């Protein structure tokens, strides 16, 4: 048996229709065995990997399959905002995009590769194209969340056809997940800063009280740039109240 995707996945896993996935759908893996993927992704990933795993760049077919799957990052809403009743909440892709901009405009930091930070920002949540945005409220243990996301990432890299591009995505994702470099620490801080900045914007635009998001990040910033930017957001929030 293989893992299955929950809550009525669209019939074709890689359908390009934007209407096929609503903001209400969740894509969470349920472990039923040691098999590594859903049937459709597994079959397509195996075909893509066998056809182009030795090449540096993905084939046009593999690239479009991969990008079509990534479309779900644009249509899946960030679950924390959905649960708080935010009107028209951002998507996963929205979140990653602004993080990429953060990495792009940040001042040079000693020992930090800025270009690597930009790349890491745009792939750090990429596995959510399959598993969805799993939040603490879902009650999924951290280790299990990580296992699901790693399995999803592996399938996505196979779908891309293997090779150096897939390996780069996998390596960047793993580095972020394990918080194993200066770049990972910077990008993790950007992840938190982007969230509280978005929370402030929703508070100002929609009159929401999103204090819990600020509390959840308090004291958890690892870098000076993260601390400085978080402090600026907090200062603006205080002035707006």
C-alpha atoms as a PDB file:
ATOM      1  CA  UNK A   1       0.000   0.000   0.000  1.00  0.00           C
ATOM      2  CA  UNK A   2       1.110   3.563  -0.571  1.00  0.00           C
ATOM      3  CA  UNK A   3       0.484   6.759   1.302  1.00  0.00           C
ATOM      4  CA  UNK A   4      -2.664   8.496   0.112  1.00  0.00           C
ATOM      5  CA  UNK A   5      -3.525  12.153  -0.154  1.00  0.00           C
ATOM      6  CA  UNK A   6      -6.434  13.254   2.024  1.00  0.00           C
ATOM      7  CA  UNK A   7      -9.596  15.241   1.395  1.00  0.00           C
ATOM      8  CA  UNK A   8     -10.582  14.546  -2.181  1.00  0.00           C
ATOM      9  CA  UNK A   9      -7.505  15.242  -4.228  1.00  0.00           C
ATOM     10  CA  UNK A  10      -8.214  16.276  -7.754  1.00  0.00           C
ATOM     11  CA  UNK A  11      -8.499  13.293 -10.129  1.00  0.00           C
ATOM     12  CA  UNK A  12      -5.362  14.232 -12.009  1.00  0.00           C
ATOM     13  CA  UNK A  13      -2.585  15.100  -9.573  1.00  0.00           C
ATOM     14  CA  UNK A  14      -0.918  17.370 -12.050  1.00  0.00           C
ATOM     15  CA  UNK A  15      -4.019  19.048 -13.525  1.00  0.00           C
ATOM     16  CA  UNK A  16      -3.194  22.592 -14.581  1.00  0.00           C
ATOM     17  CA  UNK A  17      -6.686  23.969 -13.999  1.00  0.00           C
ATOM     18  CA  UNK A  18      -6.592  26.645 -11.330  1.00  0.00           C
ATOM     19  CA  UNK A  19     -10.172  25.875 -10.401  1.00  0.00           C
ATOM     20  CA  UNK A  20      -9.384  22.271  -9.509  1.00  0.00           C
ATOM     21  CA  UNK A  21      -7.935  23.135  -6.149  1.00  0.00           C
ATOM     22  CA  UNK A  22      -9.881  25.368  -3.803  1.00  0.00           C
ATOM     23  CA  UNK A  23      -8.511  27.212  -0.841  1.00  0.00           C
ATOM     24  CA  UNK A  24     -10.340  24.723   1.364  1.00  0.00           C
ATOM     25  CA  UNK A  25      -8.426  21.652   0.184  1.00  0.00           C
ATOM     26  CA  UNK A  26      -5.606  20.239   2.265  1.00  0.00           C
ATOM     27  CA  UNK A  27      -2.969  17.863   0.912  1.00  0.00           C
ATOM     28  CA  UNK A  28      -1.687  15.892   3.846  1.00  0.00           C
ATOM     29  CA  UNK A  29       0.104  12.563   3.656  1.00  0.00           C
ATOM     30  CA  UNK A  30      -1.155   9.731   5.813  1.00  0.00           C
ATOM     31  CA  UNK A  31       1.496   7.074   6.377  1.00  0.00           C
ATOM     32  CA  UNK A  32       0.276   3.545   5.681  1.00  0.00           C
ATOM     33  CA  UNK A  33       3.529   1.844   4.773  1.00  0.00           C
ATOM     34  CA  UNK A  34       7.127   2.469   3.850  1.00  0.00           C
ATOM     35  CA  UNK A  35       6.191   3.264   0.247  1.00  0.00           C
ATOM     36  CA  UNK A  36       7.420   6.695  -0.686  1.00  0.00           C
ATOM     37  CA  UNK A  37       4.687   8.265  -2.799  1.00  0.00           C
ATOM     38  CA  UNK A  38       1.156   8.425  -4.102  1.00  0.00           C
ATOM     39  CA  UNK A  39       0.617   6.284  -7.231  1.00  0.00           C
ATOM     40  CA  UNK A  40       0.340   9.091  -9.764  1.00  0.00           C
ATOM     41  CA  UNK A  41       3.310  11.116  -8.499  1.00  0.00           C
ATOM     42  CA  UNK A  42       5.352   7.941  -8.033  1.00  0.00           C
ATOM     43  CA  UNK A  43       4.736   6.745 -11.589  1.00  0.00           C
ATOM     44  CA  UNK A  44       5.455  10.107 -13.193  1.00  0.00           C
ATOM     45  CA  UNK A  45       8.457  10.717 -10.959  1.00  0.00           C
ATOM     46  CA  UNK A  46       9.919   7.318 -11.803  1.00  0.00           C
ATOM     47  CA  UNK A  47       9.471   7.933 -15.521  1.00  0.00           C
ATOM     48  CA  UNK A  48      11.021  11.396 -15.287  1.00  0.00           C
ATOM     49  CA  UNK A  49      13.924  10.194 -13.170  1.00  0.00           C
ATOM     50  CA  UNK A  50      14.754   7.283 -15.448  1.00  0.00           C
ATOM     51  CA  UNK A  51      14.665   9.483 -18.543  1.00  0.00           C
ATOM     52  CA  UNK A  52      16.825  12.387 -17.380  1.00  0.00           C
ATOM     53  CA  UNK A  53      18.495  11.647 -14.049  1.00  0.00           C
ATOM     54  CA  UNK A  54      21.955  11.926 -15.567  1.00  0.00           C
ATOM     55  CA  UNK A  55      21.401  15.350 -17.126  1.00  0.00           C
ATOM     56  CA  UNK A  56      22.188  18.653 -15.450  1.00  0.00           C
ATOM     57  CA  UNK A  57      18.918  20.287 -16.478  1.00  0.00           C
ATOM     58  CA  UNK A  58      15.426  18.799 -16.520  1.00  0.00           C
ATOM     59  CA  UNK A  59      13.807  17.898 -19.822  1.00  0.00           C
ATOM     60  CA  UNK A  60      11.024  20.220 -21.005  1.00  0.00           C
ATOM     61  CA  UNK A  61       8.471  17.556 -20.053  1.00  0.00           C
ATOM     62  CA  UNK A  62       9.891  17.134 -16.537  1.00  0.00           C
ATOM     63  CA  UNK A  63      10.153  20.895 -16.040  1.00  0.00           C
ATOM     64  CA  UNK A  64       6.526  21.522 -16.996  1.00  0.00           C
ATOM     65  CA  UNK A  65       5.299  18.593 -14.867  1.00  0.00           C
ATOM     66  CA  UNK A  66       7.212  20.015 -11.902  1.00  0.00           C
ATOM     67  CA  UNK A  67       5.990  23.569 -12.465  1.00  0.00           C
ATOM     68  CA  UNK A  68       2.415  22.359 -12.836  1.00  0.00           C
ATOM     69  CA  UNK A  69       2.665  20.682  -9.449  1.00  0.00           C
ATOM     70  CA  UNK A  70       4.143  23.881  -8.004  1.00  0.00           C
ATOM     71  CA  UNK A  71       0.977  25.664  -9.166  1.00  0.00           C
ATOM     72  CA  UNK A  72      -0.611  24.335  -6.001  1.00  0.00           C
ATOM     73  CA  UNK A  73       1.681  26.575  -3.980  1.00  0.00           C
ATOM     74  CA  UNK A  74      -0.125  29.508  -5.620  1.00  0.00           C
ATOM     75  CA  UNK A  75      -3.616  28.201  -4.879  1.00  0.00           C
ATOM     76  CA  UNK A  76      -3.171  26.721  -1.383  1.00  0.00           C
ATOM     77  CA  UNK A  77      -3.809  29.325   1.307  1.00  0.00           C
ATOM     78  CA  UNK A  78      -1.684  29.600   4.421  1.00  0.00           C
ATOM     79  CA  UNK A  79      -3.641  27.650   6.987  1.00  0.00           C
ATOM     80  CA  UNK A  80      -2.913  29.854  10.007  1.00  0.00           C
ATOM     81  CA  UNK A  81      -4.735  32.765   8.390  1.00  0.00           C
ATOM     82  CA  UNK A  82      -7.591  30.538   7.204  1.00  0.00           C
ATOM     83  CA  UNK A  83      -8.136  29.315  10.766  1.00  0.00           C
ATOM     84  CA  UNK A  84      -8.285  32.907  12.029  1.00  0.00           C
ATOM     85  CA  UNK A  85     -10.901  33.936   9.505  1.00  0.00           C
ATOM     86  CA  UNK A  86      -8.658  36.268   7.511  1.00  0.00           C
ATOM     87  CA  UNK A  87     -10.358  37.442   4.338  1.00  0.00           C
ATOM     88  CA  UNK A  88      -8.525  36.448   1.142  1.00  0.00           C
ATOM     89  CA  UNK A  89      -5.440  35.094   2.933  1.00  0.00           C
ATOM     90  CA  UNK A  90      -2.090  34.774   1.255  1.00  0.00           C
ATOM     91  CA  UNK A  91      -0.992  31.584  -0.485  1.00  0.00           C
ATOM     92  CA  UNK A  92       2.119  29.569   0.269  1.00  0.00           C
ATOM     93  CA  UNK A  93       3.731  31.040  -2.852  1.00  0.00           C
ATOM     94  CA  UNK A  94       2.900  34.587  -1.706  1.00  0.00           C
ATOM     95  CA  UNK A  95       4.762  33.912   1.525  1.00  0.00           C
ATOM     96  CA  UNK A  96       7.814  32.433  -0.184  1.00  0.00           C
ATOM     97  CA  UNK A  97       7.966  35.227  -2.736  1.00  0.00           C
ATOM     98  CA  UNK A  98       8.244  37.995  -0.155  1.00  0.00           C
ATOM     99  CA  UNK A  99      10.835  35.976   1.725  1.00  0.00           C
ATOM    100  CA  UNK A 100      12.845  35.837  -1.491  1.00  0.00           C
ATOM    101  CA  UNK A 101      12.601  39.623  -1.754  1.00  0.00           C
ATOM    102  CA  UNK A 102      13.736  39.905   1.865  1.00  0.00           C
ATOM    103  CA  UNK A 103      16.843  37.890   1.086  1.00  0.00           C
ATOM    104  CA  UNK A 104      17.439  39.988  -2.021  1.00  0.00           C
ATOM    105  CA  UNK A 105      17.360  43.361  -0.242  1.00  0.00           C
ATOM    106  CA  UNK A 106      19.052  42.399   3.022  1.00  0.00           C
ATOM    107  CA  UNK A 107      22.439  43.919   3.747  1.00  0.00           C
ATOM    108  CA  UNK A 108      25.486  41.768   3.146  1.00  0.00           C
ATOM    109  CA  UNK A 109      26.270  39.689   6.200  1.00  0.00           C
ATOM    110  CA  UNK A 110      29.692  38.246   7.049  1.00  0.00           C
ATOM    111  CA  UNK A 111      29.932  34.648   5.910  1.00  0.00           C
ATOM    112  CA  UNK A 112      26.429  34.596   4.389  1.00  0.00           C
ATOM    113  CA  UNK A 113      25.821  33.831   0.710  1.00  0.00           C
ATOM    114  CA  UNK A 114      22.975  36.162  -0.246  1.00  0.00           C
ATOM    115  CA  UNK A 115      22.163  34.371  -3.496  1.00  0.00           C
ATOM    116  CA  UNK A 116      21.885  31.110  -1.599  1.00  0.00           C
ATOM    117  CA  UNK A 117      19.453  32.757   0.821  1.00  0.00           C
ATOM    118  CA  UNK A 118      17.255  33.871  -2.086  1.00  0.00           C
ATOM    119  CA  UNK A 119      17.183  30.325  -3.463  1.00  0.00           C
ATOM    120  CA  UNK A 120      16.514  28.817  -0.047  1.00  0.00           C
ATOM    121  CA  UNK A 121      13.633  31.214   0.544  1.00  0.00           C
ATOM    122  CA  UNK A 122      11.857  30.146  -2.642  1.00  0.00           C
ATOM    123  CA  UNK A 123      12.183  26.411  -1.944  1.00  0.00           C
ATOM    124  CA  UNK A 124      11.853  26.152   1.836  1.00  0.00           C
ATOM    125  CA  UNK A 125       8.096  25.385   1.714  1.00  0.00           C
ATOM    126  CA  UNK A 126       8.070  23.688  -1.689  1.00  0.00           C
ATOM    127  CA  UNK A 127       7.040  20.282  -0.286  1.00  0.00           C
ATOM    128  CA  UNK A 128       3.759  21.880   0.761  1.00  0.00           C
ATOM    129  CA  UNK A 129       2.685  21.564  -2.870  1.00  0.00           C
ATOM    130  CA  UNK A 130       1.909  17.962  -1.878  1.00  0.00           C
ATOM    131  CA  UNK A 131       1.413  17.871   1.895  1.00  0.00           C
ATOM    132  CA  UNK A 132      -0.252  21.267   2.329  1.00  0.00           C
ATOM    133  CA  UNK A 133       0.427  23.792   5.078  1.00  0.00           C
ATOM    134  CA  UNK A 134       0.583  21.671   8.239  1.00  0.00           C
ATOM    135  CA  UNK A 135       0.246  23.847  11.335  1.00  0.00           C
ATOM    136  CA  UNK A 136       0.641  23.080  15.068  1.00  0.00           C
ATOM    137  CA  UNK A 137      -3.155  23.141  15.313  1.00  0.00           C
ATOM    138  CA  UNK A 138      -3.300  20.049  13.103  1.00  0.00           C
ATOM    139  CA  UNK A 139      -1.779  17.983  15.913  1.00  0.00           C
ATOM    140  CA  UNK A 140       0.859  16.387  13.682  1.00  0.00           C
ATOM    141  CA  UNK A 141       4.084  15.676  15.618  1.00  0.00           C
ATOM    142  CA  UNK A 142       7.126  17.582  14.380  1.00  0.00           C
ATOM    143  CA  UNK A 143       8.974  14.411  13.374  1.00  0.00           C
ATOM    144  CA  UNK A 144       5.985  13.158  11.410  1.00  0.00           C
ATOM    145  CA  UNK A 145       5.557  16.513   9.669  1.00  0.00           C
ATOM    146  CA  UNK A 146       9.204  16.404   8.668  1.00  0.00           C
ATOM    147  CA  UNK A 147       8.885  12.825   7.424  1.00  0.00           C
ATOM    148  CA  UNK A 148       5.913  13.667   5.230  1.00  0.00           C
ATOM    149  CA  UNK A 149       7.631  16.709   3.781  1.00  0.00           C
ATOM    150  CA  UNK A 150      10.858  14.815   3.090  1.00  0.00           C
ATOM    151  CA  UNK A 151       8.921  12.117   1.248  1.00  0.00           C
ATOM    152  CA  UNK A 152       7.070  14.764  -0.767  1.00  0.00           C
ATOM    153  CA  UNK A 153      10.312  16.556  -1.617  1.00  0.00           C
ATOM    154  CA  UNK A 154      11.849  13.296  -2.802  1.00  0.00           C
ATOM    155  CA  UNK A 155       8.885  12.702  -5.113  1.00  0.00           C
ATOM    156  CA  UNK A 156       9.099  16.248  -6.463  1.00  0.00           C
ATOM    157  CA  UNK A 157      12.801  15.911  -7.190  1.00  0.00           C
ATOM    158  CA  UNK A 158      12.155  12.659  -9.032  1.00  0.00           C
ATOM    159  CA  UNK A 159       9.379  14.365 -10.988  1.00  0.00           C
ATOM    160  CA  UNK A 160      11.883  17.051 -11.974  1.00  0.00           C
ATOM    161  CA  UNK A 161      14.025  14.257 -13.409  1.00  0.00           C
ATOM    162  CA  UNK A 162      16.819  14.128 -10.873  1.00  0.00           C
ATOM    163  CA  UNK A 163      20.096  15.716 -11.895  1.00  0.00           C
ATOM    164  CA  UNK A 164      21.844  18.759 -10.503  1.00  0.00           C
ATOM    165  CA  UNK A 165      18.803  21.065 -10.382  1.00  0.00           C
ATOM    166  CA  UNK A 166      16.812  18.582  -8.324  1.00  0.00           C
ATOM    167  CA  UNK A 167      19.800  17.969  -6.060  1.00  0.00           C
ATOM    168  CA  UNK A 168      20.230  21.703  -5.483  1.00  0.00           C
ATOM    169  CA  UNK A 169      16.584  22.038  -4.446  1.00  0.00           C
ATOM    170  CA  UNK A 170      16.861  19.009  -2.170  1.00  0.00           C
ATOM    171  CA  UNK A 171      20.092  20.229  -0.585  1.00  0.00           C
ATOM    172  CA  UNK A 172      18.730  23.729   0.017  1.00  0.00           C
ATOM    173  CA  UNK A 173      15.530  22.355   1.526  1.00  0.00           C
ATOM    174  CA  UNK A 174      17.416  19.954   3.794  1.00  0.00           C
ATOM    175  CA  UNK A 175      19.818  22.653   4.934  1.00  0.00           C
ATOM    176  CA  UNK A 176      16.886  24.867   5.875  1.00  0.00           C
ATOM    177  CA  UNK A 177      15.042  22.034   7.577  1.00  0.00           C
ATOM    178  CA  UNK A 178      18.075  21.141   9.684  1.00  0.00           C
ATOM    179  CA  UNK A 179      19.015  24.779  10.378  1.00  0.00           C
ATOM    180  CA  UNK A 180      22.549  23.725   9.561  1.00  0.00           C
ATOM    181  CA  UNK A 181      24.100  26.883   8.097  1.00  0.00           C
ATOM    182  CA  UNK A 182      24.233  30.637   8.531  1.00  0.00           C
ATOM    183  CA  UNK A 183      22.023  30.974   5.463  1.00  0.00           C
ATOM    184  CA  UNK A 184      19.425  28.661   6.982  1.00  0.00           C
ATOM    185  CA  UNK A 185      19.359  30.718  10.167  1.00  0.00           C
ATOM    186  CA  UNK A 186      18.892  33.929   8.202  1.00  0.00           C
ATOM    187  CA  UNK A 187      16.090  32.460   6.093  1.00  0.00           C
ATOM    188  CA  UNK A 188      14.356  30.990   9.141  1.00  0.00           C
ATOM    189  CA  UNK A 189      14.362  34.473  10.622  1.00  0.00           C
ATOM    190  CA  UNK A 190      12.914  35.864   7.389  1.00  0.00           C
ATOM    191  CA  UNK A 191      10.184  33.218   7.627  1.00  0.00           C
ATOM    192  CA  UNK A 192       9.163  34.556  11.028  1.00  0.00           C
ATOM    193  CA  UNK A 193       9.544  38.223  10.049  1.00  0.00           C
ATOM    194  CA  UNK A 194       7.394  37.720   6.960  1.00  0.00           C
ATOM    195  CA  UNK A 195       4.706  36.093   9.084  1.00  0.00           C
ATOM    196  CA  UNK A 196       4.523  38.871  11.677  1.00  0.00           C
ATOM    197  CA  UNK A 197       4.656  41.556   8.998  1.00  0.00           C
ATOM    198  CA  UNK A 198       1.740  39.839   7.287  1.00  0.00           C
ATOM    199  CA  UNK A 199      -0.057  39.599  10.627  1.00  0.00           C
ATOM    200  CA  UNK A 200       0.396  43.342  11.157  1.00  0.00           C
ATOM    201  CA  UNK A 201      -0.958  44.041   7.684  1.00  0.00           C
ATOM    202  CA  UNK A 202      -4.032  41.888   8.312  1.00  0.00           C
ATOM    203  CA  UNK A 203      -4.575  43.604  11.663  1.00  0.00           C
ATOM    204  CA  UNK A 204      -4.445  47.024  10.016  1.00  0.00           C
ATOM    205  CA  UNK A 205      -6.514  46.065   6.968  1.00  0.00           C
ATOM    206  CA  UNK A 206      -9.130  43.810   8.538  1.00  0.00           C
ATOM    207  CA  UNK A 207      -9.224  44.787  12.207  1.00  0.00           C
ATOM    208  CA  UNK A 208      -8.034  41.368  13.357  1.00  0.00           C
ATOM    209  CA  UNK A 209      -6.274  40.646  16.629  1.00  0.00           C
ATOM    210  CA  UNK A 210      -3.405  38.348  15.676  1.00  0.00           C
ATOM    211  CA  UNK A 211      -1.337  38.660  18.841  1.00  0.00           C
ATOM    212  CA  UNK A 212      -0.683  34.913  18.953  1.00  0.00           C
ATOM    213  CA  UNK A 213       1.485  35.112  15.842  1.00  0.00           C
ATOM    214  CA  UNK A 214       3.698  37.715  17.467  1.00  0.00           C
ATOM    215  CA  UNK A 215       3.876  35.692  20.658  1.00  0.00           C
ATOM    216  CA  UNK A 216       4.849  32.557  18.757  1.00  0.00           C
ATOM    217  CA  UNK A 217       7.984  34.223  17.386  1.00  0.00           C
ATOM    218  CA  UNK A 218       9.049  36.196  20.465  1.00  0.00           C
ATOM    219  CA  UNK A 219      12.649  35.468  21.460  1.00  0.00           C
ATOM    220  CA  UNK A 220      13.170  33.006  18.598  1.00  0.00           C
ATOM    221  CA  UNK A 221      15.152  35.115  16.146  1.00  0.00           C
ATOM    222  CA  UNK A 222      18.679  33.833  15.567  1.00  0.00           C
ATOM    223  CA  UNK A 223      20.355  36.632  13.613  1.00  0.00           C
ATOM    224  CA  UNK A 224      20.899  40.345  14.013  1.00  0.00           C
ATOM    225  CA  UNK A 225      19.040  41.143  10.807  1.00  0.00           C
ATOM    226  CA  UNK A 226      16.100  39.055  11.960  1.00  0.00           C
ATOM    227  CA  UNK A 227      16.021  40.736  15.345  1.00  0.00           C
ATOM    228  CA  UNK A 228      16.303  44.215  13.817  1.00  0.00           C
ATOM    229  CA  UNK A 229      13.530  43.665  11.283  1.00  0.00           C
ATOM    230  CA  UNK A 230      11.249  42.030  13.864  1.00  0.00           C
ATOM    231  CA  UNK A 231      11.827  44.977  16.178  1.00  0.00           C
ATOM    232  CA  UNK A 232      10.826  47.372  13.395  1.00  0.00           C
ATOM    233  CA  UNK A 233       7.610  45.437  12.779  1.00  0.00           C
ATOM    234  CA  UNK A 234       6.844  45.456  16.514  1.00  0.00           C
ATOM    235  CA  UNK A 235       7.507  49.203  16.683  1.00  0.00           C
ATOM    236  CA  UNK A 236       5.103  49.886  13.812  1.00  0.00           C
ATOM    237  CA  UNK A 237       2.472  47.684  15.399  1.00  0.00           C
ATOM    238  CA  UNK A 238       2.736  49.580  18.661  1.00  0.00           C
ATOM    239  CA  UNK A 239       2.263  52.894  16.835  1.00  0.00           C
ATOM    240  CA  UNK A 240      -0.766  51.596  14.953  1.00  0.00           C
ATOM    241  CA  UNK A 241      -2.572  50.445  18.121  1.00  0.00           C
END
